[in-house]
Structures are given as C-alpha cells and as structure tokens.
Amino acid sequence: MSTTCEGKSSWPELVGASGATAATRIESENPQVDAIVVLDGASVTGDFRCDRVRILLGYCSYDHLNNKLSGKSSWPELVGASGAAAAARIESENPQVDAIVVLDGASITGDFRCDRVRILLGYCSYDHLNNKSGKSSWPELVGARGSRATARIESENSRVDAIVVVEGRDSVTFDFRCDRVWVWVNSNGVVLRTPVIG
C-alpha cells in the first residue's frame, strides 16, 4: 500500500544550504511538516511520516563546541572563479572557515578540518610573482575578430601573449606554456574555439 502525502515533499534545490535555512524554507513551502535537522550518522527511527522531513547534515555543518548549526559548507557556484574572489566569498558566507588557495599539484596535509576550505587552482591561473590568480580562458571570444580577441586577452591577463593562428594554414608547437594563448581563427579572421592558456 503506497502513502501519498499532501504538499511539496522534495527540495533538491536545498542541497548545500545550511540546516536552519533548509528547515525554514521547507516549513514555509509545506506548513504541514516539521523539518528536523539530523547529523549524518545519528540514530533515527525507520518509520515513515507525512508530517516530518529530515534534513541530513554532514559532520562539518554542525558546530560541536557550541552545540548549534554552523554555516555553509560547499560552493559549487564558484567553479571557475579566481582564487581571491572564491576565498573572499567563502569566508563571508561562513566566517567559521579559513579559505586557502592551493595550486594544483602542491603538497597538502591529508588531515580533515571543519574550519578549512581548500580552493584548488590550476598552475597557470596563478601569478606566482604577485601572489594572485588570473584569467585563463575566454569562451566569450568565440565568433569575435582575432585581432580584437588578442587585444582583449592581453588586456585581461598581462602575463600572456595572445597569438593568432589560422586553422589549416599555420602550424604550432605542442609544448605547454603558461604565458601563451593560441587564438585559432578561420580564413576570415574569426575566432573558432575558446582561447585558453597553453
């Protein structure tokens, strides 16, 4: 026998939200339920009830010292952002963590800490001399004139030389360089694919 509950019964859009935020929203969208925050690994009853929604939180979503819910613990919306921008946003949205920019391939400790968020940056997106990250791809330039694209690339990342390459006519080397962007254009000088560092 199946049980049908009244009102909204699923909130996939709340994945990554704090427990308190999720509970408030769930109870406002379906006043017939009590939203209960449960820590991952906690014991719960196996019974099904239409008037209850369990919100499962990971270990770090809970402040064990002060016995209360803590802040946000994941930021999928920051993929592609600069390291500095990501760190600033993470620390503003959860002041309980230190956001640390880590270069891909760097040695890191294997320990797990709830007060730390590591931001992984690709090697070429980091300015080693000035300790800051920079832009490494320009998808918005597909369809633009090659000369306009090279000027924009070099103005947005002064550490690279943007080089126009005519597809089918010019040849390039296959080495990888952090200071170079190939700008592939057709015979009319229009950019064919996303220019990227390499």
N, C-alpha and C. Protein backbone atom coordinates (compact mmCIF):
# COMPACT_ATOMS: atom_id res chain seq x y z
N MET A 1 0.83 -1.17 0.00
CA MET A 1 0.00 0.00 0.00
C MET A 1 0.89 1.24 0.00
N SER A 2 0.68 2.16 -0.93
CA SER A 2 1.51 3.37 -1.01
C SER A 2 0.87 4.49 -0.21
N THR A 3 1.72 5.37 0.30
CA THR A 3 1.27 6.52 1.06
C THR A 3 1.51 7.77 0.23
N THR A 4 0.48 8.60 0.10
CA THR A 4 0.61 9.86 -0.62
C THR A 4 0.47 10.98 0.39
N CYS A 5 1.47 11.85 0.43
CA CYS A 5 1.46 12.98 1.36
C CYS A 5 1.06 14.24 0.61
N GLU A 6 0.38 15.14 1.31
CA GLU A 6 -0.06 16.39 0.69
C GLU A 6 1.07 17.41 0.66
N GLY A 7 1.06 18.26 -0.36
CA GLY A 7 2.04 19.35 -0.46
C GLY A 7 3.38 18.90 -1.00
N LYS A 8 4.26 19.85 -1.10
CA LYS A 8 5.60 19.59 -1.61
C LYS A 8 6.32 18.61 -0.69
N SER A 9 7.09 17.67 -1.28
CA SER A 9 7.73 16.65 -0.47
C SER A 9 9.22 16.46 -0.78
N SER A 10 9.76 17.28 -1.67
CA SER A 10 11.16 17.13 -2.04
C SER A 10 11.76 18.52 -2.33
N TRP A 11 12.99 18.75 -1.87
CA TRP A 11 13.65 20.04 -2.03
C TRP A 11 15.09 19.86 -2.50
N PRO A 12 15.32 19.36 -3.71
CA PRO A 12 16.70 19.17 -4.18
C PRO A 12 17.48 20.48 -4.30
N GLU A 13 16.79 21.58 -4.45
CA GLU A 13 17.46 22.88 -4.56
C GLU A 13 18.14 23.33 -3.27
N LEU A 14 17.88 22.62 -2.16
CA LEU A 14 18.47 23.00 -0.88
C LEU A 14 19.76 22.25 -0.56
N VAL A 15 20.22 21.41 -1.48
CA VAL A 15 21.49 20.72 -1.25
C VAL A 15 22.58 21.77 -1.11
N GLY A 16 23.35 21.71 -0.04
CA GLY A 16 24.42 22.67 0.22
C GLY A 16 24.00 23.82 1.12
N ALA A 17 22.69 23.97 1.35
CA ALA A 17 22.22 25.05 2.24
C ALA A 17 22.44 24.65 3.69
N SER A 18 22.45 25.63 4.58
CA SER A 18 22.60 25.32 6.00
C SER A 18 21.31 24.63 6.47
N GLY A 19 21.41 23.90 7.57
CA GLY A 19 20.24 23.20 8.10
C GLY A 19 19.12 24.16 8.48
N ALA A 20 19.48 25.28 9.11
CA ALA A 20 18.47 26.25 9.53
C ALA A 20 17.75 26.86 8.33
N THR A 21 18.50 27.20 7.30
CA THR A 21 17.91 27.76 6.09
C THR A 21 16.97 26.76 5.44
N ALA A 22 17.43 25.51 5.33
CA ALA A 22 16.61 24.46 4.72
C ALA A 22 15.32 24.23 5.51
N ALA A 23 15.44 24.16 6.84
CA ALA A 23 14.26 23.92 7.67
C ALA A 23 13.24 25.03 7.52
N THR A 24 13.70 26.27 7.53
CA THR A 24 12.79 27.41 7.39
C THR A 24 12.06 27.37 6.05
N ARG A 25 12.81 27.10 5.00
CA ARG A 25 12.20 27.08 3.67
C ARG A 25 11.22 25.91 3.52
N ILE A 26 11.60 24.74 3.99
CA ILE A 26 10.73 23.56 3.89
C ILE A 26 9.41 23.82 4.62
N GLU A 27 9.50 24.32 5.83
CA GLU A 27 8.28 24.56 6.62
C GLU A 27 7.43 25.69 6.03
N SER A 28 8.07 26.64 5.34
CA SER A 28 7.27 27.70 4.71
C SER A 28 6.58 27.20 3.44
N GLU A 29 7.22 26.26 2.73
CA GLU A 29 6.64 25.75 1.49
C GLU A 29 5.67 24.60 1.73
N ASN A 30 5.74 23.96 2.89
CA ASN A 30 4.77 22.93 3.26
C ASN A 30 4.53 23.02 4.76
N PRO A 31 3.55 23.85 5.18
CA PRO A 31 3.30 24.06 6.60
C PRO A 31 2.79 22.81 7.33
N GLN A 32 2.51 21.74 6.61
CA GLN A 32 2.02 20.51 7.23
C GLN A 32 3.14 19.64 7.79
N VAL A 33 4.41 20.06 7.56
CA VAL A 33 5.53 19.23 8.02
C VAL A 33 6.39 19.97 9.04
N ASP A 34 7.06 19.17 9.87
CA ASP A 34 8.10 19.68 10.75
C ASP A 34 9.43 19.26 10.12
N ALA A 35 10.30 20.22 9.86
CA ALA A 35 11.62 19.93 9.30
C ALA A 35 12.59 19.73 10.45
N ILE A 36 13.23 18.57 10.49
CA ILE A 36 14.11 18.21 11.59
C ILE A 36 15.52 18.02 11.05
N VAL A 37 16.47 18.74 11.63
CA VAL A 37 17.88 18.63 11.23
C VAL A 37 18.50 17.43 11.94
N VAL A 38 19.13 16.55 11.16
CA VAL A 38 19.75 15.34 11.69
C VAL A 38 21.19 15.28 11.19
N LEU A 39 22.13 15.05 12.10
CA LEU A 39 23.53 14.91 11.70
C LEU A 39 23.78 13.56 11.07
N ASP A 40 24.60 13.55 10.04
CA ASP A 40 24.97 12.31 9.36
C ASP A 40 25.52 11.33 10.40
N GLY A 41 25.00 10.12 10.41
CA GLY A 41 25.44 9.10 11.35
C GLY A 41 24.61 9.01 12.61
N ALA A 42 23.71 9.98 12.82
CA ALA A 42 22.86 9.95 14.02
C ALA A 42 21.81 8.85 13.89
N SER A 43 21.36 8.33 15.02
CA SER A 43 20.31 7.31 15.01
C SER A 43 18.95 7.96 14.76
N VAL A 44 18.18 7.38 13.87
CA VAL A 44 16.82 7.85 13.60
C VAL A 44 15.90 6.63 13.53
N THR A 45 14.63 6.89 13.75
CA THR A 45 13.65 5.81 13.62
C THR A 45 13.43 5.50 12.15
N GLY A 46 12.98 4.29 11.86
CA GLY A 46 12.77 3.88 10.47
C GLY A 46 11.35 4.09 9.99
N ASP A 47 10.50 4.69 10.79
CA ASP A 47 9.10 4.87 10.41
C ASP A 47 8.94 6.03 9.41
N PHE A 48 7.92 5.94 8.59
CA PHE A 48 7.62 6.98 7.61
C PHE A 48 6.45 7.81 8.13
N ARG A 49 6.61 9.15 8.06
CA ARG A 49 5.54 10.03 8.48
C ARG A 49 5.41 11.18 7.49
N CYS A 50 4.18 11.48 7.09
CA CYS A 50 3.93 12.58 6.16
C CYS A 50 4.16 13.95 6.79
N ASP A 51 4.19 14.03 8.10
CA ASP A 51 4.33 15.33 8.76
C ASP A 51 5.77 15.61 9.20
N ARG A 52 6.74 14.86 8.64
CA ARG A 52 8.13 15.04 9.04
C ARG A 52 9.04 15.01 7.81
N VAL A 53 10.00 15.95 7.80
CA VAL A 53 11.05 15.95 6.79
C VAL A 53 12.37 15.99 7.54
N ARG A 54 13.23 15.03 7.24
CA ARG A 54 14.55 15.01 7.87
C ARG A 54 15.55 15.69 6.94
N ILE A 55 16.36 16.58 7.51
CA ILE A 55 17.41 17.28 6.77
C ILE A 55 18.73 16.70 7.26
N LEU A 56 19.41 15.98 6.39
CA LEU A 56 20.66 15.31 6.76
C LEU A 56 21.83 16.27 6.56
N LEU A 57 22.57 16.54 7.63
CA LEU A 57 23.74 17.42 7.57
C LEU A 57 25.01 16.61 7.74
N GLY A 58 26.03 17.00 6.99
CA GLY A 58 27.34 16.40 7.16
C GLY A 58 27.96 16.86 8.47
N TYR A 59 29.01 16.20 8.88
CA TYR A 59 29.68 16.46 10.16
C TYR A 59 30.04 17.93 10.34
N CYS A 60 30.57 18.57 9.30
CA CYS A 60 31.04 19.95 9.43
C CYS A 60 29.92 20.98 9.38
N SER A 61 28.73 20.58 9.12
CA SER A 61 27.61 21.51 9.12
C SER A 61 27.11 21.79 10.52
N TYR A 62 27.76 21.20 11.50
CA TYR A 62 27.33 21.34 12.89
C TYR A 62 28.50 21.84 13.74
N ASP A 63 28.27 22.82 14.57
CA ASP A 63 29.27 23.37 15.48
C ASP A 63 29.20 22.54 16.76
N HIS A 64 30.11 21.57 16.88
CA HIS A 64 30.07 20.64 18.00
C HIS A 64 30.44 21.30 19.33
N LEU A 65 31.28 22.33 19.28
CA LEU A 65 31.68 23.01 20.52
C LEU A 65 30.53 23.79 21.13
N ASN A 66 29.74 24.45 20.28
CA ASN A 66 28.65 25.29 20.78
C ASN A 66 27.28 24.64 20.62
N ASN A 67 27.26 23.39 20.15
CA ASN A 67 26.03 22.62 20.00
C ASN A 67 24.97 23.37 19.18
N LYS A 68 25.38 23.87 18.02
CA LYS A 68 24.44 24.57 17.14
C LYS A 68 24.83 24.36 15.69
N LEU A 69 23.90 24.67 14.79
CA LEU A 69 24.18 24.56 13.37
C LEU A 69 25.19 25.61 12.96
N SER A 70 26.09 25.24 12.06
CA SER A 70 27.06 26.21 11.57
C SER A 70 26.75 26.56 10.13
N GLY A 71 27.66 27.26 9.47
CA GLY A 71 27.39 27.84 8.15
C GLY A 71 27.53 26.89 6.97
N LYS A 72 27.48 27.51 5.81
CA LYS A 72 27.55 26.83 4.53
C LYS A 72 28.85 26.04 4.42
N SER A 73 28.81 24.89 3.70
CA SER A 73 30.00 24.05 3.63
C SER A 73 30.42 23.66 2.21
N SER A 74 29.69 24.12 1.21
CA SER A 74 30.12 23.85 -0.17
C SER A 74 29.70 25.00 -1.08
N TRP A 75 30.50 25.24 -2.12
CA TRP A 75 30.29 26.38 -3.02
C TRP A 75 30.48 25.96 -4.47
N PRO A 76 29.61 25.11 -5.02
CA PRO A 76 29.79 24.68 -6.42
C PRO A 76 29.68 25.85 -7.40
N GLU A 77 29.01 26.91 -7.02
CA GLU A 77 28.84 28.07 -7.90
C GLU A 77 30.14 28.83 -8.12
N LEU A 78 31.20 28.53 -7.37
CA LEU A 78 32.46 29.24 -7.50
C LEU A 78 33.46 28.57 -8.45
N VAL A 79 33.07 27.45 -9.05
CA VAL A 79 33.96 26.80 -10.02
C VAL A 79 34.23 27.80 -11.14
N GLY A 80 35.50 28.03 -11.43
CA GLY A 80 35.90 28.97 -12.47
C GLY A 80 36.20 30.37 -11.97
N ALA A 81 35.87 30.66 -10.71
CA ALA A 81 36.17 31.99 -10.14
C ALA A 81 37.65 32.07 -9.79
N SER A 82 38.16 33.28 -9.65
CA SER A 82 39.55 33.44 -9.23
C SER A 82 39.69 32.98 -7.78
N GLY A 83 40.90 32.61 -7.40
CA GLY A 83 41.13 32.16 -6.04
C GLY A 83 40.79 33.21 -5.00
N ALA A 84 41.18 34.46 -5.27
CA ALA A 84 40.92 35.54 -4.31
C ALA A 84 39.42 35.79 -4.16
N ALA A 85 38.70 35.80 -5.29
CA ALA A 85 37.25 36.03 -5.23
C ALA A 85 36.55 34.89 -4.50
N ALA A 86 36.98 33.65 -4.78
CA ALA A 86 36.38 32.49 -4.12
C ALA A 86 36.64 32.54 -2.62
N ALA A 87 37.87 32.84 -2.23
CA ALA A 87 38.21 32.89 -0.80
C ALA A 87 37.40 33.95 -0.08
N ALA A 88 37.28 35.12 -0.68
CA ALA A 88 36.52 36.21 -0.05
C ALA A 88 35.06 35.81 0.14
N ARG A 89 34.47 35.21 -0.88
CA ARG A 89 33.06 34.83 -0.79
C ARG A 89 32.84 33.72 0.23
N ILE A 90 33.72 32.72 0.22
CA ILE A 90 33.59 31.61 1.16
C ILE A 90 33.67 32.12 2.60
N GLU A 91 34.65 32.95 2.87
CA GLU A 91 34.82 33.45 4.24
C GLU A 91 33.71 34.41 4.65
N SER A 92 33.09 35.11 3.68
CA SER A 92 31.97 35.98 4.04
C SER A 92 30.70 35.17 4.29
N GLU A 93 30.54 34.05 3.59
CA GLU A 93 29.34 33.22 3.76
C GLU A 93 29.47 32.24 4.92
N ASN A 94 30.71 31.96 5.35
CA ASN A 94 30.91 31.11 6.52
C ASN A 94 32.16 31.60 7.26
N PRO A 95 31.98 32.55 8.19
CA PRO A 95 33.12 33.12 8.91
C PRO A 95 33.86 32.12 9.80
N GLN A 96 33.34 30.91 9.93
CA GLN A 96 33.98 29.90 10.77
C GLN A 96 35.10 29.16 10.05
N VAL A 97 35.30 29.44 8.75
CA VAL A 97 36.34 28.73 8.00
C VAL A 97 37.39 29.69 7.46
N ASP A 98 38.57 29.16 7.25
CA ASP A 98 39.64 29.86 6.55
C ASP A 98 39.70 29.25 5.15
N ALA A 99 39.56 30.08 4.13
CA ALA A 99 39.65 29.62 2.75
C ALA A 99 41.09 29.77 2.30
N ILE A 100 41.69 28.67 1.85
CA ILE A 100 43.10 28.65 1.49
C ILE A 100 43.24 28.28 0.02
N VAL A 101 43.92 29.14 -0.73
CA VAL A 101 44.16 28.87 -2.15
C VAL A 101 45.34 27.92 -2.27
N VAL A 102 45.14 26.81 -3.00
CA VAL A 102 46.17 25.80 -3.17
C VAL A 102 46.36 25.56 -4.66
N LEU A 103 47.61 25.57 -5.12
CA LEU A 103 47.89 25.29 -6.52
C LEU A 103 47.80 23.79 -6.78
N ASP A 104 47.23 23.43 -7.91
CA ASP A 104 47.14 22.04 -8.31
C ASP A 104 48.54 21.43 -8.30
N GLY A 105 48.69 20.30 -7.63
CA GLY A 105 49.99 19.63 -7.55
C GLY A 105 50.79 19.98 -6.32
N ALA A 106 50.37 20.99 -5.55
CA ALA A 106 51.09 21.36 -4.34
C ALA A 106 50.91 20.30 -3.26
N SER A 107 51.88 20.18 -2.39
CA SER A 107 51.77 19.23 -1.28
C SER A 107 50.83 19.80 -0.23
N ILE A 108 49.89 18.97 0.21
CA ILE A 108 48.97 19.37 1.27
C ILE A 108 48.87 18.24 2.28
N THR A 109 48.47 18.59 3.48
CA THR A 109 48.29 17.57 4.51
C THR A 109 47.02 16.78 4.21
N GLY A 110 46.96 15.58 4.70
CA GLY A 110 45.80 14.73 4.46
C GLY A 110 44.75 14.80 5.54
N ASP A 111 44.95 15.68 6.52
CA ASP A 111 44.00 15.77 7.62
C ASP A 111 42.72 16.48 7.19
N PHE A 112 41.65 16.18 7.88
CA PHE A 112 40.34 16.78 7.61
C PHE A 112 40.04 17.78 8.71
N ARG A 113 39.67 19.00 8.31
CA ARG A 113 39.33 20.03 9.31
C ARG A 113 38.07 20.75 8.87
N CYS A 114 37.16 20.95 9.80
CA CYS A 114 35.90 21.64 9.52
C CYS A 114 36.09 23.14 9.41
N ASP A 115 37.22 23.66 9.86
CA ASP A 115 37.44 25.11 9.81
C ASP A 115 38.31 25.53 8.62
N ARG A 116 38.46 24.65 7.63
CA ARG A 116 39.31 24.94 6.48
C ARG A 116 38.61 24.54 5.19
N VAL A 117 38.71 25.42 4.20
CA VAL A 117 38.24 25.12 2.85
C VAL A 117 39.42 25.34 1.92
N ARG A 118 39.77 24.32 1.15
CA ARG A 118 40.86 24.46 0.19
C ARG A 118 40.26 24.80 -1.18
N ILE A 119 40.86 25.80 -1.83
CA ILE A 119 40.44 26.22 -3.17
C ILE A 119 41.55 25.79 -4.11
N LEU A 120 41.27 24.83 -4.98
CA LEU A 120 42.27 24.28 -5.88
C LEU A 120 42.33 25.10 -7.16
N LEU A 121 43.51 25.65 -7.46
CA LEU A 121 43.71 26.42 -8.69
C LEU A 121 44.66 25.68 -9.61
N GLY A 122 44.38 25.76 -10.90
CA GLY A 122 45.31 25.22 -11.88
C GLY A 122 46.58 26.05 -11.88
N TYR A 123 47.71 25.46 -12.24
CA TYR A 123 49.01 26.12 -12.17
C TYR A 123 49.04 27.43 -12.95
N CYS A 124 48.51 27.45 -14.15
CA CYS A 124 48.59 28.65 -14.99
C CYS A 124 47.60 29.73 -14.61
N SER A 125 46.67 29.46 -13.75
CA SER A 125 45.73 30.51 -13.36
C SER A 125 46.27 31.31 -12.18
N TYR A 126 47.55 31.07 -11.83
CA TYR A 126 48.12 31.73 -10.66
C TYR A 126 49.34 32.56 -11.05
N ASP A 127 49.41 33.79 -10.57
CA ASP A 127 50.53 34.69 -10.79
C ASP A 127 51.49 34.51 -9.62
N HIS A 128 52.56 33.74 -9.85
CA HIS A 128 53.48 33.38 -8.77
C HIS A 128 54.26 34.59 -8.25
N LEU A 129 54.51 35.58 -9.11
CA LEU A 129 55.27 36.75 -8.68
C LEU A 129 54.46 37.67 -7.78
N ASN A 130 53.19 37.85 -8.13
CA ASN A 130 52.34 38.79 -7.38
C ASN A 130 51.35 38.11 -6.45
N ASN A 131 51.43 36.78 -6.35
CA ASN A 131 50.59 36.01 -5.44
C ASN A 131 49.10 36.26 -5.67
N LYS A 132 48.67 36.19 -6.93
CA LYS A 132 47.25 36.33 -7.23
C LYS A 132 46.90 35.50 -8.46
N SER A 133 45.61 35.23 -8.63
CA SER A 133 45.19 34.43 -9.76
C SER A 133 44.78 35.33 -10.92
N GLY A 134 44.74 34.75 -12.12
CA GLY A 134 44.37 35.50 -13.31
C GLY A 134 43.51 34.67 -14.23
N LYS A 135 42.94 35.30 -15.23
CA LYS A 135 42.05 34.63 -16.17
C LYS A 135 42.86 33.69 -17.07
N SER A 136 42.26 32.54 -17.42
CA SER A 136 42.99 31.55 -18.22
C SER A 136 42.22 31.07 -19.45
N SER A 137 40.96 31.45 -19.61
CA SER A 137 40.21 31.07 -20.81
C SER A 137 39.19 32.17 -21.15
N TRP A 138 38.84 32.24 -22.44
CA TRP A 138 37.98 33.32 -22.94
C TRP A 138 36.90 32.76 -23.87
N PRO A 139 35.93 32.01 -23.35
CA PRO A 139 34.89 31.43 -24.21
C PRO A 139 34.03 32.50 -24.88
N GLU A 140 33.93 33.66 -24.28
CA GLU A 140 33.10 34.73 -24.83
C GLU A 140 33.65 35.31 -26.13
N LEU A 141 34.91 34.94 -26.50
CA LEU A 141 35.52 35.50 -27.72
C LEU A 141 35.30 34.64 -28.96
N VAL A 142 34.67 33.48 -28.81
CA VAL A 142 34.36 32.67 -29.99
C VAL A 142 33.40 33.47 -30.87
N GLY A 143 33.77 33.63 -32.15
CA GLY A 143 32.96 34.42 -33.08
C GLY A 143 33.45 35.85 -33.25
N ALA A 144 34.38 36.28 -32.39
CA ALA A 144 34.93 37.65 -32.48
C ALA A 144 36.06 37.68 -33.52
N ARG A 145 36.48 38.85 -33.91
CA ARG A 145 37.64 39.02 -34.79
C ARG A 145 38.90 38.64 -34.00
N GLY A 146 39.84 37.98 -34.65
CA GLY A 146 41.07 37.55 -33.99
C GLY A 146 41.87 38.69 -33.40
N SER A 147 41.96 39.81 -34.12
CA SER A 147 42.73 40.96 -33.62
C SER A 147 42.09 41.54 -32.36
N ARG A 148 40.77 41.59 -32.34
CA ARG A 148 40.06 42.09 -31.16
C ARG A 148 40.26 41.12 -29.98
N ALA A 149 40.23 39.82 -30.29
CA ALA A 149 40.39 38.80 -29.25
C ALA A 149 41.78 38.88 -28.61
N THR A 150 42.83 39.02 -29.43
CA THR A 150 44.19 39.09 -28.85
C THR A 150 44.34 40.32 -27.96
N ALA A 151 43.79 41.45 -28.39
CA ALA A 151 43.89 42.67 -27.58
C ALA A 151 43.17 42.49 -26.24
N ARG A 152 42.00 41.88 -26.27
CA ARG A 152 41.25 41.69 -25.03
C ARG A 152 41.94 40.71 -24.10
N ILE A 153 42.43 39.61 -24.65
CA ILE A 153 43.13 38.61 -23.84
C ILE A 153 44.32 39.23 -23.13
N GLU A 154 45.14 39.96 -23.87
CA GLU A 154 46.33 40.56 -23.28
C GLU A 154 45.99 41.68 -22.29
N SER A 155 44.84 42.33 -22.47
CA SER A 155 44.45 43.36 -21.50
C SER A 155 43.90 42.74 -20.22
N GLU A 156 43.29 41.55 -20.33
CA GLU A 156 42.73 40.89 -19.15
C GLU A 156 43.73 40.02 -18.41
N ASN A 157 44.82 39.64 -19.08
CA ASN A 157 45.88 38.87 -18.43
C ASN A 157 47.21 39.31 -19.03
N SER A 158 47.86 40.22 -18.36
CA SER A 158 49.10 40.82 -18.88
C SER A 158 50.27 39.84 -18.90
N ARG A 159 50.10 38.66 -18.33
CA ARG A 159 51.18 37.67 -18.28
C ARG A 159 51.23 36.79 -19.52
N VAL A 160 50.29 36.96 -20.46
CA VAL A 160 50.26 36.09 -21.64
C VAL A 160 50.44 36.88 -22.93
N ASP A 161 50.96 36.17 -23.94
CA ASP A 161 50.98 36.69 -25.30
C ASP A 161 49.91 35.91 -26.06
N ALA A 162 48.97 36.63 -26.67
CA ALA A 162 47.92 36.00 -27.47
C ALA A 162 48.38 36.00 -28.92
N ILE A 163 48.40 34.83 -29.54
CA ILE A 163 48.94 34.67 -30.89
C ILE A 163 47.85 34.12 -31.80
N VAL A 164 47.57 34.85 -32.88
CA VAL A 164 46.56 34.41 -33.86
C VAL A 164 47.14 33.29 -34.71
N VAL A 165 46.36 32.20 -34.86
CA VAL A 165 46.75 31.06 -35.69
C VAL A 165 45.61 30.79 -36.65
N VAL A 166 45.91 30.77 -37.96
CA VAL A 166 44.88 30.49 -38.96
C VAL A 166 44.79 28.97 -39.14
N GLU A 167 43.60 28.43 -38.85
CA GLU A 167 43.40 26.99 -38.95
C GLU A 167 43.57 26.54 -40.40
N GLY A 168 44.31 25.44 -40.57
CA GLY A 168 44.54 24.89 -41.91
C GLY A 168 45.71 25.53 -42.63
N ARG A 169 46.27 26.60 -42.08
CA ARG A 169 47.40 27.26 -42.73
C ARG A 169 48.64 27.29 -41.84
N ASP A 170 48.46 27.70 -40.60
CA ASP A 170 49.59 27.84 -39.68
C ASP A 170 49.80 26.58 -38.86
N SER A 171 51.04 26.36 -38.43
CA SER A 171 51.33 25.24 -37.54
C SER A 171 51.81 25.81 -36.19
N VAL A 172 51.66 25.01 -35.15
CA VAL A 172 52.05 25.44 -33.80
C VAL A 172 52.87 24.35 -33.15
N THR A 173 53.59 24.71 -32.09
CA THR A 173 54.32 23.72 -31.31
C THR A 173 53.35 23.08 -30.32
N PHE A 174 53.70 21.92 -29.81
CA PHE A 174 52.81 21.21 -28.90
C PHE A 174 53.24 21.31 -27.44
N ASP A 175 54.22 22.18 -27.15
CA ASP A 175 54.61 22.37 -25.76
C ASP A 175 53.56 23.20 -25.03
N PHE A 176 53.51 23.04 -23.73
CA PHE A 176 52.54 23.78 -22.92
C PHE A 176 53.25 24.93 -22.23
N ARG A 177 52.69 26.15 -22.37
CA ARG A 177 53.29 27.33 -21.75
C ARG A 177 52.21 28.16 -21.08
N CYS A 178 52.50 28.61 -19.86
CA CYS A 178 51.56 29.42 -19.09
C CYS A 178 51.49 30.86 -19.59
N ASP A 179 52.40 31.26 -20.44
CA ASP A 179 52.44 32.65 -20.91
C ASP A 179 51.96 32.80 -22.36
N ARG A 180 51.24 31.82 -22.86
CA ARG A 180 50.82 31.86 -24.26
C ARG A 180 49.36 31.43 -24.41
N VAL A 181 48.67 32.10 -25.33
CA VAL A 181 47.30 31.72 -25.71
C VAL A 181 47.25 31.65 -27.23
N TRP A 182 46.94 30.47 -27.77
CA TRP A 182 46.71 30.35 -29.22
C TRP A 182 45.28 30.83 -29.49
N VAL A 183 45.12 31.74 -30.44
CA VAL A 183 43.80 32.22 -30.84
C VAL A 183 43.54 31.67 -32.23
N TRP A 184 42.78 30.58 -32.30
CA TRP A 184 42.50 29.90 -33.58
C TRP A 184 41.40 30.63 -34.32
N VAL A 185 41.71 31.03 -35.57
CA VAL A 185 40.74 31.75 -36.40
C VAL A 185 40.56 31.03 -37.74
N ASN A 186 39.46 31.34 -38.43
CA ASN A 186 39.26 30.81 -39.78
C ASN A 186 39.93 31.75 -40.78
N SER A 187 39.77 31.48 -42.08
CA SER A 187 40.43 32.30 -43.11
C SER A 187 39.90 33.73 -43.14
N ASN A 188 38.75 33.97 -42.51
CA ASN A 188 38.19 35.32 -42.43
C ASN A 188 38.61 36.05 -41.15
N GLY A 189 39.44 35.41 -40.33
CA GLY A 189 39.92 36.04 -39.11
C GLY A 189 38.98 35.97 -37.92
N VAL A 190 38.00 35.04 -37.98
CA VAL A 190 37.01 34.90 -36.90
C VAL A 190 37.43 33.76 -35.97
N VAL A 191 37.38 34.01 -34.65
CA VAL A 191 37.79 33.02 -33.66
C VAL A 191 36.87 31.80 -33.71
N LEU A 192 37.49 30.61 -33.82
CA LEU A 192 36.75 29.36 -33.99
C LEU A 192 36.48 28.59 -32.70
N ARG A 193 37.38 28.68 -31.74
CA ARG A 193 37.24 27.93 -30.49
C ARG A 193 37.73 28.76 -29.31
N THR A 194 37.39 28.33 -28.14
CA THR A 194 37.74 29.08 -26.93
C THR A 194 39.25 29.23 -26.79
N PRO A 195 39.75 30.46 -26.74
CA PRO A 195 41.17 30.66 -26.48
C PRO A 195 41.50 30.32 -25.02
N VAL A 196 42.53 29.49 -24.82
CA VAL A 196 42.95 29.09 -23.48
C VAL A 196 44.47 29.17 -23.37
N ILE A 197 44.93 29.34 -22.13
CA ILE A 197 46.37 29.33 -21.90
C ILE A 197 46.93 27.96 -22.27
N GLY A 198 48.11 27.95 -22.85
CA GLY A 198 48.77 26.69 -23.20
C GLY A 198 49.65 26.87 -24.33
